[in-house]
């Protein structure tokens, strides 16, 4: 099991995007003072590190962390007893009677099997006057190309999760250079370990097609969504 909190605590070139992301997350939430003392859920909470930071910073009263990994949840429960941690599968329709004033989902949508189902479930957790904050990695355009090259040449990532076809690396590069949707390269699966094949334009499409009011912006290697 990977301790994702290390990417926020250990300063390095590789961790710089994660550290920058957390600063931006807190800056966005700082601009919303009404969340103080309210209920909060973090979807894809991993071991609860950021969930705990947000809970304490804004003195949130009722906090739930959701994650699909039983190992992550086991660690989270041992570390942060003030938070209720529960299992979730974003690929399935989830009926929740409990609604939250603040819902967050950080760097999770790129790993789910069905982005539309995941977004529907995340938005269903928000109460009428609540707010949702979502972050996803930017894997398209020039930045996506640079990240792809670094992952393949420096970190030696594999594209086997997407396809075993010959020359698939060239196909992937072709999609990046032409601006085609990377998600077309993903086959039907329940989830993804890597970011390969994730395209944040699918998130934009879902929100726009469902007339959901939102603001979005890119910063460094992350795209942020503030959904009302």
Foldseek 3Di string as FASTA:
>chain_A
DDDVVCLCVDDDPVSVVVVVVLVVVVVVVVVVLVQAQWEEEEEQCQLVPSVVVVCVVRVHDAYEYEHQDPVSPVNNCVPDVRYHYDYDQQVDADDDPAATQEYEYEADLLWFQDNLSNVVNRVNRHDPNHKYKYKHFALAEPVVVVVLCCCCPPVNDDPVQQHPDPPVVVVLVVCRVVVNQLLVSHDRDGTDPDSGSDHCVVVVVSCVVVVWDWDWDDDDGMIMIMTD
